[in-house]
Amino acid sequence: MRDPLDELDHFTDPGPTMNPLPASEVRRRGTRLRRRNHALAAIGGAAAVAIIATPIALAANRTTSSDPQPVKPSPTVTWVTQIPADFPLTDGLPDGTRVGSKAAPTGITACGTDPGAVASSGAGAGATSGASVSEQGTDGGTETRTLTLYDDDAAAAAATNALEDLVSGCPTDPNGTGAPLVNAVGPGSLGGDASLVVTQQAQIDADLLADLTTMVVVRNGNAVYVVTSHTSAGGPQVVDSETARLTEGSQPVVEAMCAFSADPC
């Protein structure tokens, strides 16, 4: 057997290359090498495109928490627009209390406009009920209640917002003649979707207030309830006392107002 090391005899000496390949074999091997290189290049290019395209495709299909979400239509609400015959508007009031289908007079104005009329405006026919009573032996005290229903909760909210804007925009009413009137509005504690307390007093002098009118307003769903009282006394203690009295006496009315919410009781 021929020793392969014999082929290295002339590795360091000048001379012809040992066992040279035929020209046809050299060309064949060169062609095969080029084809292989071309195939590898094509595969590498396709892989690079896939690597680049994959994140782009994922980014295009990815939804993040900050992306706008499809708006789901709100469920349709059927609002109650007639006051039930057994609604307890006069609960706690004495027998003989007058009840009608119009807003009860409140006896209060703010720069020429009755806030109670603002709160009961814009309602459809038959959607308002008013109760009025004059209590004897209570220093001229009176109490009125009005319940008004609107087409929807947005209209009811617009009415109470207008009432609040009216009073807050008229902190002092010159009143033409007599003592100037001092008006105030703030949050109430009767619950519902919104609750307000409005007060009006006559400024007799720098330290004396009298003729207090207190108005408590509650909105729930498409219903607005207004209860108003008047007494000849005034001042912070009387305001607190009247607000507490009207709040306590109106609890049955406000509880029954759940019938006018978007999810009725």
Protein backbone atom coordinates (compact mmCIF):
# COMPACT_ATOMS: atom_id res chain seq x y z
CA MET A 1 0.00 0.00 0.00
CA ARG A 2 1.28 3.44 -0.88
CA ASP A 3 2.39 5.60 2.02
CA PRO A 4 0.48 8.94 1.98
CA LEU A 5 3.55 10.64 3.45
CA ASP A 6 5.33 10.09 0.18
CA GLU A 7 3.20 12.86 -1.30
CA LEU A 8 4.93 15.34 1.03
CA ASP A 9 8.36 14.62 -0.34
CA HIS A 10 8.35 17.72 -2.49
CA PHE A 11 6.31 19.97 -0.12
CA THR A 12 9.30 22.20 0.62
CA ASP A 13 11.11 21.67 -2.65
CA PRO A 14 10.26 23.38 -5.89
CA GLY A 15 8.60 21.08 -8.24
CA PRO A 16 5.34 20.10 -9.77
CA THR A 17 2.24 19.78 -7.53
CA MET A 18 1.64 16.25 -6.43
CA ASN A 19 -1.41 14.49 -7.93
CA PRO A 20 -2.92 17.51 -9.75
CA LEU A 21 -6.69 17.37 -10.45
CA PRO A 22 -7.99 17.36 -13.98
CA ALA A 23 -9.34 20.71 -15.20
CA SER A 24 -12.87 19.33 -15.56
CA GLU A 25 -12.85 18.22 -11.93
CA VAL A 26 -11.67 21.66 -10.78
CA ARG A 27 -14.49 23.32 -12.73
CA ARG A 28 -17.06 20.86 -11.36
CA ARG A 29 -16.00 21.45 -7.77
CA GLY A 30 -16.00 25.24 -8.28
CA THR A 31 -19.52 25.15 -9.69
CA ARG A 32 -20.73 23.08 -6.75
CA LEU A 33 -19.13 25.47 -4.24
CA ARG A 34 -20.74 28.49 -5.87
CA ARG A 35 -24.17 26.84 -5.81
CA ARG A 36 -23.79 26.03 -2.15
CA ASN A 37 -22.76 29.59 -1.31
CA HIS A 38 -25.72 30.99 -3.25
CA ALA A 39 -28.12 28.68 -1.39
CA LEU A 40 -26.70 29.66 1.99
CA ALA A 41 -26.99 33.34 1.10
CA ALA A 42 -30.63 32.93 0.08
CA ILE A 43 -31.48 31.08 3.31
CA GLY A 44 -29.69 33.73 5.39
CA GLY A 45 -31.57 36.54 3.67
CA ALA A 46 -34.95 34.91 4.26
CA ALA A 47 -34.12 34.36 7.93
CA ALA A 48 -33.13 38.03 8.35
CA VAL A 49 -36.38 39.18 6.80
CA ALA A 50 -38.34 36.89 9.13
CA ILE A 51 -36.44 38.21 12.18
CA ILE A 52 -37.21 41.83 11.22
CA ALA A 53 -40.82 41.24 10.18
CA THR A 54 -41.89 39.23 13.23
CA PRO A 55 -41.60 42.09 15.81
CA ILE A 56 -43.30 44.45 13.37
CA ALA A 57 -46.22 42.06 12.96
CA LEU A 58 -46.46 41.53 16.70
CA ALA A 59 -46.40 45.28 17.33
CA ALA A 60 -49.11 45.83 14.75
CA ASN A 61 -51.39 43.27 16.40
CA ARG A 62 -50.59 44.12 20.03
CA THR A 63 -53.19 46.09 22.05
CA THR A 64 -51.97 48.03 25.07
CA SER A 65 -53.95 49.36 28.01
CA SER A 66 -53.54 52.91 26.70
CA ASP A 67 -55.08 52.15 23.31
CA PRO A 68 -58.66 53.44 22.86
CA GLN A 69 -61.13 50.70 23.63
CA PRO A 70 -64.35 50.17 21.69
CA VAL A 71 -67.20 52.16 23.22
CA LYS A 72 -69.96 49.91 24.46
CA PRO A 73 -73.45 51.36 24.11
CA SER A 74 -75.08 52.29 27.42
CA PRO A 75 -78.06 50.18 28.41
CA THR A 76 -81.39 51.82 27.68
CA VAL A 77 -83.06 53.24 30.80
CA THR A 78 -86.82 53.64 30.99
CA TRP A 79 -87.31 56.60 33.29
CA VAL A 80 -90.42 56.92 35.43
CA THR A 81 -92.16 60.14 34.41
CA GLN A 82 -95.32 59.93 36.52
CA ILE A 83 -95.38 60.16 40.31
CA PRO A 84 -97.04 57.09 41.89
CA ALA A 85 -100.27 57.83 43.74
CA ASP A 86 -98.88 56.34 46.95
CA PHE A 87 -95.61 58.30 46.91
CA PRO A 88 -95.01 59.50 50.52
CA LEU A 89 -94.51 63.19 49.76
CA THR A 90 -96.49 64.28 52.85
CA ASP A 91 -95.12 61.71 55.29
CA GLY A 92 -94.54 63.43 58.64
CA LEU A 93 -96.64 66.47 57.75
CA PRO A 94 -99.87 67.15 59.67
CA ASP A 95 -103.26 66.09 58.39
CA GLY A 96 -104.86 68.56 56.03
CA THR A 97 -101.64 69.34 54.19
CA ARG A 98 -102.53 70.75 50.78
CA VAL A 99 -101.25 68.71 47.84
CA GLY A 100 -101.35 69.81 44.20
CA SER A 101 -99.85 69.12 40.80
CA LYS A 102 -97.76 72.29 40.81
CA ALA A 103 -94.60 73.25 42.63
CA ALA A 104 -95.26 74.53 46.13
CA PRO A 105 -94.24 78.15 46.73
CA THR A 106 -90.92 78.49 48.52
CA GLY A 107 -91.02 82.15 49.53
CA ILE A 108 -87.38 82.62 48.57
CA THR A 109 -85.79 84.58 45.73
CA ALA A 110 -82.17 85.06 44.74
CA CYS A 111 -81.63 88.24 42.75
CA GLY A 112 -85.23 88.13 41.58
CA THR A 113 -85.48 84.41 40.75
CA ASP A 114 -87.03 81.65 42.86
CA PRO A 115 -84.49 78.78 43.19
CA GLY A 116 -87.35 76.37 43.79
CA ALA A 117 -88.92 77.37 40.49
CA VAL A 118 -85.58 76.74 38.78
CA ALA A 119 -85.44 73.26 40.30
CA SER A 120 -88.94 72.41 39.11
CA SER A 121 -88.74 73.92 35.63
CA GLY A 122 -88.65 71.99 32.39
CA ALA A 123 -90.68 68.99 33.52
CA GLY A 124 -93.56 67.52 31.55
CA ALA A 125 -97.22 67.91 32.45
CA GLY A 126 -98.30 65.84 35.42
CA ALA A 127 -94.72 65.24 36.54
CA THR A 128 -94.73 67.66 39.49
CA SER A 129 -96.35 67.28 42.88
CA GLY A 130 -96.31 69.94 45.59
CA ALA A 131 -97.31 69.94 49.24
CA SER A 132 -97.60 73.00 51.45
CA VAL A 133 -98.39 73.38 55.15
CA SER A 134 -98.50 76.31 57.57
CA GLU A 135 -97.67 75.13 61.07
CA GLN A 136 -99.43 77.00 63.83
CA GLY A 137 -97.58 78.01 66.97
CA THR A 138 -94.10 77.75 65.47
CA ASP A 139 -93.23 81.44 65.24
CA GLY A 140 -94.72 81.80 61.80
CA GLY A 141 -93.08 78.64 60.49
CA THR A 142 -94.08 77.12 57.17
CA GLU A 143 -92.92 74.08 55.25
CA THR A 144 -93.34 73.21 51.59
CA ARG A 145 -92.31 70.15 49.59
CA THR A 146 -92.10 69.67 45.84
CA LEU A 147 -91.17 66.59 43.82
CA THR A 148 -90.43 67.06 40.12
CA LEU A 149 -89.67 64.41 37.50
CA TYR A 150 -87.67 65.00 34.33
CA ASP A 151 -87.23 63.14 31.07
CA ASP A 152 -83.92 61.68 32.30
CA ASP A 153 -81.21 62.11 34.93
CA ALA A 154 -79.25 64.57 32.76
CA ALA A 155 -82.19 66.99 32.69
CA ALA A 156 -82.64 66.65 36.46
CA ALA A 157 -78.95 67.32 37.03
CA ALA A 158 -79.14 70.40 34.79
CA ALA A 159 -81.97 71.78 36.95
CA THR A 160 -80.12 71.32 40.26
CA ASN A 161 -76.92 72.71 38.75
CA ALA A 162 -78.84 75.79 37.60
CA LEU A 163 -80.25 76.22 41.11
CA GLU A 164 -76.78 76.02 42.65
CA ASP A 165 -75.36 78.47 40.10
CA LEU A 166 -78.21 80.91 40.76
CA VAL A 167 -77.64 81.03 44.54
CA SER A 168 -73.83 80.99 44.44
CA GLY A 169 -73.97 83.83 41.90
CA CYS A 170 -76.12 85.94 44.24
CA PRO A 171 -74.44 85.91 47.68
CA THR A 172 -76.10 89.23 48.58
CA ASP A 173 -79.40 90.52 47.29
CA PRO A 174 -80.05 94.26 47.91
CA ASN A 175 -83.75 93.37 48.05
CA GLY A 176 -84.89 96.81 46.86
CA THR A 177 -86.39 97.83 50.20
CA GLY A 178 -85.74 96.56 53.67
CA ALA A 179 -82.72 94.67 54.92
CA PRO A 180 -80.41 93.09 52.32
CA LEU A 181 -80.66 89.31 51.93
CA VAL A 182 -77.69 87.00 52.44
CA ASN A 183 -77.73 83.76 50.43
CA ALA A 184 -75.60 80.63 50.78
CA VAL A 185 -75.48 77.18 49.19
CA GLY A 186 -73.54 74.08 50.21
CA PRO A 187 -73.63 70.28 50.17
CA GLY A 188 -76.42 68.44 51.96
CA SER A 189 -76.44 65.10 53.78
CA LEU A 190 -79.66 63.50 52.54
CA GLY A 191 -77.96 61.20 50.03
CA GLY A 192 -79.29 60.55 46.56
CA ASP A 193 -77.18 61.39 43.53
CA ALA A 194 -76.76 64.97 44.79
CA SER A 195 -77.89 66.99 47.79
CA LEU A 196 -77.78 70.73 48.50
CA VAL A 197 -78.71 73.10 51.32
CA VAL A 198 -79.68 76.68 50.44
CA THR A 199 -80.22 79.39 53.05
CA GLN A 200 -81.43 82.97 52.85
CA GLN A 201 -81.45 85.43 55.76
CA ALA A 202 -82.08 89.12 56.22
CA GLN A 203 -79.01 91.05 57.39
CA ILE A 204 -80.51 93.31 60.10
CA ASP A 205 -77.11 94.62 61.14
CA ALA A 206 -73.50 93.41 61.22
CA ASP A 207 -74.22 90.82 63.92
CA LEU A 208 -77.92 90.09 63.53
CA LEU A 209 -79.60 87.80 61.00
CA ALA A 210 -83.34 87.06 60.85
CA ASP A 211 -86.13 85.72 58.60
CA LEU A 212 -84.35 82.47 57.78
CA THR A 213 -85.51 80.44 54.78
CA THR A 214 -83.91 77.01 54.52
CA MET A 215 -84.12 74.88 51.38
CA VAL A 216 -82.90 71.27 51.16
CA VAL A 217 -82.62 69.82 47.65
CA VAL A 218 -82.10 66.16 46.72
CA ARG A 219 -81.69 64.70 43.24
CA ASN A 220 -81.96 60.97 42.58
CA GLY A 221 -82.17 59.62 39.06
CA ASN A 222 -84.58 61.85 37.13
CA ALA A 223 -86.33 63.17 40.27
CA VAL A 224 -85.67 66.38 42.20
CA TYR A 225 -87.08 66.93 45.70
CA VAL A 226 -87.18 70.38 47.32
CA VAL A 227 -88.26 71.00 50.92
CA THR A 228 -88.34 74.56 52.27
CA SER A 229 -89.04 76.06 55.68
CA HIS A 230 -89.25 79.61 56.98
CA THR A 231 -88.90 81.03 60.46
CA SER A 232 -88.59 84.60 61.71
CA ALA A 233 -85.41 83.81 63.64
CA GLY A 234 -81.99 83.53 62.04
CA GLY A 235 -78.31 82.91 62.68
CA PRO A 236 -75.98 79.87 62.55
CA GLN A 237 -77.73 77.90 65.32
CA VAL A 238 -81.13 78.29 63.71
CA VAL A 239 -79.68 77.27 60.33
CA ASP A 240 -78.25 74.09 61.86
CA SER A 241 -81.51 73.31 63.67
CA GLU A 242 -83.74 73.81 60.63
CA THR A 243 -81.41 71.88 58.32
CA ALA A 244 -81.38 68.93 60.73
CA ARG A 245 -85.18 69.05 61.10
CA LEU A 246 -85.83 69.10 57.35
CA THR A 247 -83.25 66.37 56.77
CA GLU A 248 -84.78 64.05 59.36
CA GLY A 249 -88.35 64.70 58.25
CA SER A 250 -87.51 64.06 54.60
CA GLN A 251 -85.94 60.64 55.11
CA PRO A 252 -89.08 58.68 54.03
CA VAL A 253 -89.39 60.80 50.89
CA VAL A 254 -85.74 60.39 49.90
CA GLU A 255 -85.82 56.64 50.54
CA ALA A 256 -88.84 56.32 48.23
CA MET A 257 -87.01 58.29 45.52
CA CYS A 258 -85.08 55.14 44.62
CA ALA A 259 -88.11 54.41 42.40
CA PHE A 260 -86.80 57.08 40.03
CA SER A 261 -83.18 55.89 39.78
CA ALA A 262 -81.64 54.17 36.76
CA ASP A 263 -81.89 50.89 38.72
CA PRO A 264 -85.20 51.29 40.57
CA CYS A 265 -85.79 49.78 43.98
